[in-house]
Amino acid sequence: MESYNKSILEYRDVRSAVEYAREEGIEKGREERNIYIIQRCLQKNMSIEEIIELTGFSKEQIIRCREKNGQ
């Protein structure tokens, strides 16, 4: 019984770790996609206000992205 309980706890630990990693990966993917969209808009010489209106991104996100890319 003790061995069984231990294996259940280990399984739950692994399952939690995998779920956490998956959520982190999804979030990172979203962030990378947002940066890509902002970069493309800036390359098209869109104003910050236009990017905000079209994408719903915050002004801070856009400015941070612009500064990272030296634009």
N, C-alpha and C. Protein backbone atom coordinates (compact mmCIF):
# COMPACT_ATOMS: atom_id res chain seq x y z
N MET A 1 0.83 -1.20 0.00
CA MET A 1 0.00 0.00 0.00
C MET A 1 0.87 1.26 0.00
N GLU A 2 1.95 1.20 0.78
CA GLU A 2 2.85 2.35 0.85
C GLU A 2 3.49 2.64 -0.50
N SER A 3 3.87 1.58 -1.19
CA SER A 3 4.47 1.72 -2.52
C SER A 3 3.45 2.32 -3.50
N TYR A 4 2.23 1.88 -3.40
CA TYR A 4 1.16 2.41 -4.26
C TYR A 4 0.96 3.90 -4.01
N ASN A 5 0.85 4.29 -2.75
CA ASN A 5 0.66 5.70 -2.42
C ASN A 5 1.83 6.56 -2.90
N LYS A 6 3.04 6.02 -2.77
CA LYS A 6 4.22 6.74 -3.24
C LYS A 6 4.16 6.94 -4.76
N SER A 7 3.77 5.89 -5.48
CA SER A 7 3.71 6.01 -6.94
C SER A 7 2.62 6.99 -7.38
N ILE A 8 1.52 7.05 -6.66
CA ILE A 8 0.47 8.02 -6.96
C ILE A 8 1.00 9.44 -6.77
N LEU A 9 1.71 9.69 -5.69
CA LEU A 9 2.27 11.01 -5.44
C LEU A 9 3.28 11.40 -6.51
N GLU A 10 4.12 10.45 -6.91
CA GLU A 10 5.10 10.72 -7.96
C GLU A 10 4.40 11.03 -9.28
N TYR A 11 3.38 10.28 -9.60
CA TYR A 11 2.61 10.52 -10.82
C TYR A 11 2.01 11.92 -10.81
N ARG A 12 1.43 12.32 -9.69
CA ARG A 12 0.83 13.65 -9.58
C ARG A 12 1.88 14.74 -9.71
N ASP A 13 3.05 14.52 -9.14
CA ASP A 13 4.14 15.49 -9.27
C ASP A 13 4.55 15.67 -10.72
N VAL A 14 4.71 14.56 -11.41
CA VAL A 14 5.12 14.61 -12.82
C VAL A 14 4.02 15.28 -13.65
N ARG A 15 2.81 14.91 -13.39
CA ARG A 15 1.67 15.49 -14.13
C ARG A 15 1.59 17.00 -13.91
N SER A 16 1.80 17.45 -12.68
CA SER A 16 1.78 18.88 -12.38
C SER A 16 2.92 19.60 -13.10
N ALA A 17 4.09 18.99 -13.12
CA ALA A 17 5.25 19.59 -13.78
C ALA A 17 5.01 19.72 -15.28
N VAL A 18 4.44 18.70 -15.88
CA VAL A 18 4.15 18.73 -17.32
C VAL A 18 3.11 19.80 -17.63
N GLU A 19 2.08 19.89 -16.83
CA GLU A 19 1.04 20.90 -17.06
C GLU A 19 1.59 22.31 -16.92
N TYR A 20 2.44 22.52 -15.92
CA TYR A 20 3.07 23.83 -15.73
C TYR A 20 3.94 24.18 -16.93
N ALA A 21 4.74 23.22 -17.40
CA ALA A 21 5.60 23.47 -18.56
C ALA A 21 4.77 23.78 -19.80
N ARG A 22 3.68 23.09 -19.97
CA ARG A 22 2.80 23.33 -21.12
C ARG A 22 2.24 24.75 -21.08
N GLU A 23 1.76 25.16 -19.91
CA GLU A 23 1.20 26.50 -19.77
C GLU A 23 2.26 27.57 -20.02
N GLU A 24 3.47 27.34 -19.52
CA GLU A 24 4.56 28.28 -19.74
C GLU A 24 4.90 28.37 -21.23
N GLY A 25 4.90 27.23 -21.91
CA GLY A 25 5.19 27.21 -23.34
C GLY A 25 4.15 27.95 -24.14
N ILE A 26 2.90 27.78 -23.79
CA ILE A 26 1.82 28.47 -24.48
C ILE A 26 1.95 29.97 -24.27
N GLU A 27 2.22 30.37 -23.05
CA GLU A 27 2.37 31.81 -22.74
C GLU A 27 3.55 32.40 -23.50
N LYS A 28 4.67 31.67 -23.55
CA LYS A 28 5.84 32.17 -24.27
C LYS A 28 5.52 32.29 -25.77
N GLY A 29 4.80 31.33 -26.30
CA GLY A 29 4.42 31.37 -27.71
C GLY A 29 3.54 32.58 -28.01
N ARG A 30 2.62 32.88 -27.12
CA ARG A 30 1.76 34.05 -27.31
C ARG A 30 2.58 35.34 -27.29
N GLU A 31 3.52 35.40 -26.36
CA GLU A 31 4.36 36.59 -26.25
C GLU A 31 5.21 36.77 -27.51
N GLU A 32 5.78 35.68 -28.01
CA GLU A 32 6.58 35.76 -29.24
C GLU A 32 5.72 36.20 -30.42
N ARG A 33 4.50 35.70 -30.50
CA ARG A 33 3.59 36.08 -31.58
C ARG A 33 3.24 37.57 -31.49
N ASN A 34 2.98 38.06 -30.28
CA ASN A 34 2.67 39.47 -30.09
C ASN A 34 3.84 40.34 -30.54
N ILE A 35 5.05 39.94 -30.18
CA ILE A 35 6.23 40.71 -30.59
C ILE A 35 6.35 40.72 -32.10
N TYR A 36 6.11 39.59 -32.73
CA TYR A 36 6.17 39.50 -34.18
C TYR A 36 5.15 40.45 -34.83
N ILE A 37 3.95 40.45 -34.32
CA ILE A 37 2.90 41.32 -34.87
C ILE A 37 3.28 42.78 -34.72
N ILE A 38 3.77 43.15 -33.54
CA ILE A 38 4.17 44.54 -33.31
C ILE A 38 5.31 44.92 -34.24
N GLN A 39 6.30 44.06 -34.39
CA GLN A 39 7.42 44.34 -35.28
C GLN A 39 6.95 44.57 -36.71
N ARG A 40 6.05 43.74 -37.17
CA ARG A 40 5.54 43.88 -38.55
C ARG A 40 4.79 45.21 -38.71
N CYS A 41 4.01 45.59 -37.73
CA CYS A 41 3.29 46.85 -37.80
C CYS A 41 4.26 48.03 -37.82
N LEU A 42 5.28 47.94 -37.00
CA LEU A 42 6.28 49.02 -36.97
C LEU A 42 7.04 49.10 -38.29
N GLN A 43 7.33 47.96 -38.89
CA GLN A 43 8.00 47.95 -40.20
C GLN A 43 7.14 48.61 -41.27
N LYS A 44 5.84 48.54 -41.10
CA LYS A 44 4.91 49.17 -42.05
C LYS A 44 4.68 50.64 -41.72
N ASN A 45 5.49 51.14 -40.75
CA ASN A 45 5.42 52.54 -40.32
C ASN A 45 4.06 52.93 -39.75
N MET A 46 3.42 51.99 -39.09
CA MET A 46 2.16 52.30 -38.43
C MET A 46 2.45 53.05 -37.14
N SER A 47 1.59 53.95 -36.78
CA SER A 47 1.76 54.68 -35.53
C SER A 47 1.39 53.80 -34.35
N ILE A 48 1.86 54.19 -33.20
CA ILE A 48 1.54 53.44 -31.98
C ILE A 48 0.03 53.39 -31.79
N GLU A 49 -0.63 54.51 -32.04
CA GLU A 49 -2.08 54.56 -31.86
C GLU A 49 -2.80 53.58 -32.79
N GLU A 50 -2.31 53.47 -34.03
CA GLU A 50 -2.91 52.53 -34.98
C GLU A 50 -2.71 51.09 -34.51
N ILE A 51 -1.52 50.79 -34.03
CA ILE A 51 -1.24 49.44 -33.56
C ILE A 51 -2.12 49.09 -32.36
N ILE A 52 -2.28 50.04 -31.45
CA ILE A 52 -3.15 49.83 -30.29
C ILE A 52 -4.57 49.56 -30.74
N GLU A 53 -5.04 50.37 -31.67
CA GLU A 53 -6.43 50.24 -32.15
C GLU A 53 -6.66 48.90 -32.83
N LEU A 54 -5.71 48.47 -33.65
CA LEU A 54 -5.89 47.24 -34.42
C LEU A 54 -5.65 45.97 -33.60
N THR A 55 -4.70 46.02 -32.67
CA THR A 55 -4.29 44.79 -31.98
C THR A 55 -4.78 44.68 -30.54
N GLY A 56 -5.03 45.82 -29.91
CA GLY A 56 -5.39 45.80 -28.51
C GLY A 56 -4.20 45.70 -27.58
N PHE A 57 -2.99 45.75 -28.13
CA PHE A 57 -1.80 45.71 -27.29
C PHE A 57 -1.68 47.03 -26.55
N SER A 58 -0.98 46.98 -25.42
CA SER A 58 -0.80 48.20 -24.65
C SER A 58 0.30 49.06 -25.26
N LYS A 59 0.24 50.34 -24.96
CA LYS A 59 1.27 51.26 -25.44
C LYS A 59 2.64 50.83 -24.92
N GLU A 60 2.69 50.35 -23.68
CA GLU A 60 3.95 49.91 -23.09
C GLU A 60 4.54 48.72 -23.85
N GLN A 61 3.70 47.77 -24.26
CA GLN A 61 4.18 46.62 -25.02
C GLN A 61 4.81 47.08 -26.33
N ILE A 62 4.16 48.00 -26.99
CA ILE A 62 4.62 48.46 -28.29
C ILE A 62 5.93 49.23 -28.15
N ILE A 63 5.99 50.11 -27.19
CA ILE A 63 7.20 50.91 -26.97
C ILE A 63 8.37 50.00 -26.59
N ARG A 64 8.12 49.03 -25.71
CA ARG A 64 9.17 48.09 -25.29
C ARG A 64 9.71 47.33 -26.50
N CYS A 65 8.82 46.89 -27.37
CA CYS A 65 9.21 46.15 -28.56
C CYS A 65 10.00 47.06 -29.51
N ARG A 66 9.54 48.28 -29.67
CA ARG A 66 10.21 49.23 -30.56
C ARG A 66 11.62 49.52 -30.05
N GLU A 67 11.78 49.68 -28.75
CA GLU A 67 13.09 49.97 -28.17
C GLU A 67 14.03 48.78 -28.31
N LYS A 68 13.51 47.58 -28.18
CA LYS A 68 14.34 46.38 -28.31
C LYS A 68 14.92 46.27 -29.71
N ASN A 69 14.16 46.72 -30.68
CA ASN A 69 14.58 46.57 -32.08
C ASN A 69 15.20 47.83 -32.64
N GLY A 70 15.41 48.83 -31.80
CA GLY A 70 16.07 50.05 -32.25
C GLY A 70 15.29 50.83 -33.28
N GLN A 71 14.00 50.78 -33.20
CA GLN A 71 13.17 51.51 -34.19
C GLN A 71 12.64 52.78 -33.60
